[in-house]
Amino acid sequence: MKDLLQIILFFFKRVEGIGIITREEAINWGLSGPMLRASGVQWDLRKVDHYECYDELDWKIQWQKEGDSLARYLVRIGEMKESIKIIQQALKAIPEDLLKI
């Protein structure tokens, strides 16, 4: 357990505060996806453009404001968790007569 904690601490020390991209830089450089959202911009095409059936599902835009490598990592981890929620909801929405298990 001690080794795992040391690895985690080492990881955080390596990525926190590294490679900072400010909100303004992210917008000016035309960044998108996790790179944009990790710099403090709460923008996701699925929410903004009412893409497909995402409006019918309960999910949150994953974002961080720090703009560093840790923020980008946390956004990606958060998006994986939200994706699981989205998939679970979508599966429940499929009519039973269309499911063939």
C-alpha atoms as a PDB file:
ATOM      1  CA  MET A   1       0.000   0.000   0.000  1.00  0.00           C
ATOM      2  CA  LYS A   2       2.854   2.333   0.816  1.00  0.00           C
ATOM      3  CA  ASP A   3       4.359   1.781  -2.651  1.00  0.00           C
ATOM      4  CA  LEU A   4       1.053   2.626  -4.329  1.00  0.00           C
ATOM      5  CA  LEU A   5       0.753   5.858  -2.358  1.00  0.00           C
ATOM      6  CA  GLN A   6       4.301   6.818  -3.333  1.00  0.00           C
ATOM      7  CA  ILE A   7       3.505   6.198  -6.997  1.00  0.00           C
ATOM      8  CA  ILE A   8       0.367   8.334  -6.755  1.00  0.00           C
ATOM      9  CA  LEU A   9       2.243  11.161  -5.030  1.00  0.00           C
ATOM     10  CA  PHE A  10       5.013  10.954  -7.627  1.00  0.00           C
ATOM     11  CA  PHE A  11       2.425  11.154 -10.435  1.00  0.00           C
ATOM     12  CA  PHE A  12       0.742  14.221  -8.943  1.00  0.00           C
ATOM     13  CA  LYS A  13       4.070  15.975  -8.440  1.00  0.00           C
ATOM     14  CA  ARG A  14       4.977  15.336 -12.094  1.00  0.00           C
ATOM     15  CA  VAL A  15       1.750  16.664 -13.636  1.00  0.00           C
ATOM     16  CA  GLU A  16       0.418  19.334 -11.288  1.00  0.00           C
ATOM     17  CA  GLY A  17       1.294  22.814 -12.541  1.00  0.00           C
ATOM     18  CA  ILE A  18       2.978  21.458 -15.685  1.00  0.00           C
ATOM     19  CA  GLY A  19       2.019  22.490 -19.234  1.00  0.00           C
ATOM     20  CA  ILE A  20      -0.468  25.148 -18.207  1.00  0.00           C
ATOM     21  CA  ILE A  21      -2.758  26.403 -20.959  1.00  0.00           C
ATOM     22  CA  THR A  22      -4.898  29.353 -19.917  1.00  0.00           C
ATOM     23  CA  ARG A  23      -8.548  29.735 -20.863  1.00  0.00           C
ATOM     24  CA  GLU A  24      -7.652  32.521 -23.289  1.00  0.00           C
ATOM     25  CA  GLU A  25      -4.874  30.485 -24.926  1.00  0.00           C
ATOM     26  CA  ALA A  26      -7.145  27.460 -25.302  1.00  0.00           C
ATOM     27  CA  ILE A  27      -9.782  29.559 -27.070  1.00  0.00           C
ATOM     28  CA  ASN A  28      -7.297  31.499 -29.234  1.00  0.00           C
ATOM     29  CA  TRP A  29      -5.481  28.326 -30.290  1.00  0.00           C
ATOM     30  CA  GLY A  30      -8.752  26.644 -31.263  1.00  0.00           C
ATOM     31  CA  LEU A  31      -8.406  23.787 -28.795  1.00  0.00           C
ATOM     32  CA  SER A  32     -11.339  21.433 -28.325  1.00  0.00           C
ATOM     33  CA  GLY A  33     -12.442  18.507 -26.208  1.00  0.00           C
ATOM     34  CA  PRO A  34     -10.566  17.734 -22.994  1.00  0.00           C
ATOM     35  CA  MET A  35      -7.817  20.237 -23.824  1.00  0.00           C
ATOM     36  CA  LEU A  36     -10.361  23.059 -23.919  1.00  0.00           C
ATOM     37  CA  ARG A  37     -12.379  21.870 -20.921  1.00  0.00           C
ATOM     38  CA  ALA A  38      -9.256  21.399 -18.784  1.00  0.00           C
ATOM     39  CA  SER A  39      -8.520  25.100 -19.276  1.00  0.00           C
ATOM     40  CA  GLY A  40     -11.759  26.240 -17.684  1.00  0.00           C
ATOM     41  CA  VAL A  41     -14.115  26.308 -20.667  1.00  0.00           C
ATOM     42  CA  GLN A  42     -17.367  24.464 -19.977  1.00  0.00           C
ATOM     43  CA  TRP A  43     -18.155  23.711 -23.623  1.00  0.00           C
ATOM     44  CA  ASP A  44     -19.245  20.404 -25.095  1.00  0.00           C
ATOM     45  CA  LEU A  45     -20.815  20.112 -28.540  1.00  0.00           C
ATOM     46  CA  ARG A  46     -23.260  17.510 -27.251  1.00  0.00           C
ATOM     47  CA  LYS A  47     -24.747  20.052 -24.822  1.00  0.00           C
ATOM     48  CA  VAL A  48     -24.333  23.248 -26.864  1.00  0.00           C
ATOM     49  CA  ASP A  49     -25.626  21.927 -30.190  1.00  0.00           C
ATOM     50  CA  HIS A  50     -28.193  19.527 -28.688  1.00  0.00           C
ATOM     51  CA  TYR A  51     -26.430  16.698 -30.486  1.00  0.00           C
ATOM     52  CA  GLU A  52     -28.363  13.470 -31.104  1.00  0.00           C
ATOM     53  CA  CYS A  53     -30.216  12.281 -27.968  1.00  0.00           C
ATOM     54  CA  TYR A  54     -27.784  13.683 -25.380  1.00  0.00           C
ATOM     55  CA  ASP A  55     -30.454  16.165 -24.217  1.00  0.00           C
ATOM     56  CA  GLU A  56     -32.539  13.224 -23.043  1.00  0.00           C
ATOM     57  CA  LEU A  57     -29.757  11.880 -20.827  1.00  0.00           C
ATOM     58  CA  ASP A  58     -28.503  13.039 -17.445  1.00  0.00           C
ATOM     59  CA  TRP A  59     -24.803  13.893 -17.675  1.00  0.00           C
ATOM     60  CA  LYS A  60     -22.444  16.705 -16.791  1.00  0.00           C
ATOM     61  CA  ILE A  61     -19.699  18.422 -18.755  1.00  0.00           C
ATOM     62  CA  GLN A  62     -16.386  17.465 -17.198  1.00  0.00           C
ATOM     63  CA  TRP A  63     -14.085  20.437 -16.813  1.00  0.00           C
ATOM     64  CA  GLN A  64     -11.296  21.838 -14.685  1.00  0.00           C
ATOM     65  CA  LYS A  65      -9.996  25.374 -14.417  1.00  0.00           C
ATOM     66  CA  GLU A  66      -6.281  24.856 -13.744  1.00  0.00           C
ATOM     67  CA  GLY A  67      -5.237  24.170 -17.361  1.00  0.00           C
ATOM     68  CA  ASP A  68      -2.315  21.916 -16.414  1.00  0.00           C
ATOM     69  CA  SER A  69      -1.541  18.279 -17.193  1.00  0.00           C
ATOM     70  CA  LEU A  70      -3.327  17.166 -14.027  1.00  0.00           C
ATOM     71  CA  ALA A  71      -6.472  19.025 -15.089  1.00  0.00           C
ATOM     72  CA  ARG A  72      -6.395  17.305 -18.493  1.00  0.00           C
ATOM     73  CA  TYR A  73      -5.993  13.922 -16.784  1.00  0.00           C
ATOM     74  CA  LEU A  74      -8.890  14.633 -14.411  1.00  0.00           C
ATOM     75  CA  VAL A  75     -11.142  15.735 -17.276  1.00  0.00           C
ATOM     76  CA  ARG A  76     -10.434  12.502 -19.143  1.00  0.00           C
ATOM     77  CA  ILE A  77     -11.094  10.367 -16.057  1.00  0.00           C
ATOM     78  CA  GLY A  78     -14.316  12.289 -15.410  1.00  0.00           C
ATOM     79  CA  GLU A  79     -15.390  11.779 -19.018  1.00  0.00           C
ATOM     80  CA  MET A  80     -14.910   8.036 -18.716  1.00  0.00           C
ATOM     81  CA  LYS A  81     -17.168   8.001 -15.654  1.00  0.00           C
ATOM     82  CA  GLU A  82     -19.792  10.138 -17.407  1.00  0.00           C
ATOM     83  CA  SER A  83     -19.604   7.853 -20.459  1.00  0.00           C
ATOM     84  CA  ILE A  84     -20.530   4.887 -18.290  1.00  0.00           C
ATOM     85  CA  LYS A  85     -23.557   6.824 -16.986  1.00  0.00           C
ATOM     86  CA  ILE A  86     -24.560   7.747 -20.539  1.00  0.00           C
ATOM     87  CA  ILE A  87     -24.266   4.143 -21.764  1.00  0.00           C
ATOM     88  CA  GLN A  88     -26.282   2.811 -18.823  1.00  0.00           C
ATOM     89  CA  GLN A  89     -29.065   5.323 -19.490  1.00  0.00           C
ATOM     90  CA  ALA A  90     -29.042   4.626 -23.230  1.00  0.00           C
ATOM     91  CA  LEU A  91     -29.317   0.882 -22.636  1.00  0.00           C
ATOM     92  CA  LYS A  92     -32.318   1.401 -20.358  1.00  0.00           C
ATOM     93  CA  ALA A  93     -33.979   3.493 -23.078  1.00  0.00           C
ATOM     94  CA  ILE A  94     -33.846   0.705 -25.691  1.00  0.00           C
ATOM     95  CA  PRO A  95     -37.274  -0.936 -25.954  1.00  0.00           C
ATOM     96  CA  GLU A  96     -37.177  -4.520 -24.674  1.00  0.00           C
ATOM     97  CA  ASP A  97     -38.591  -5.930 -27.911  1.00  0.00           C
ATOM     98  CA  LEU A  98     -35.498  -4.585 -29.735  1.00  0.00           C
ATOM     99  CA  LEU A  99     -33.067  -6.252 -27.336  1.00  0.00           C
ATOM    100  CA  LYS A 100     -31.887  -9.707 -28.290  1.00  0.00           C
ATOM    101  CA  ILE A 101     -29.674 -11.171 -25.610  1.00  0.00           C
END
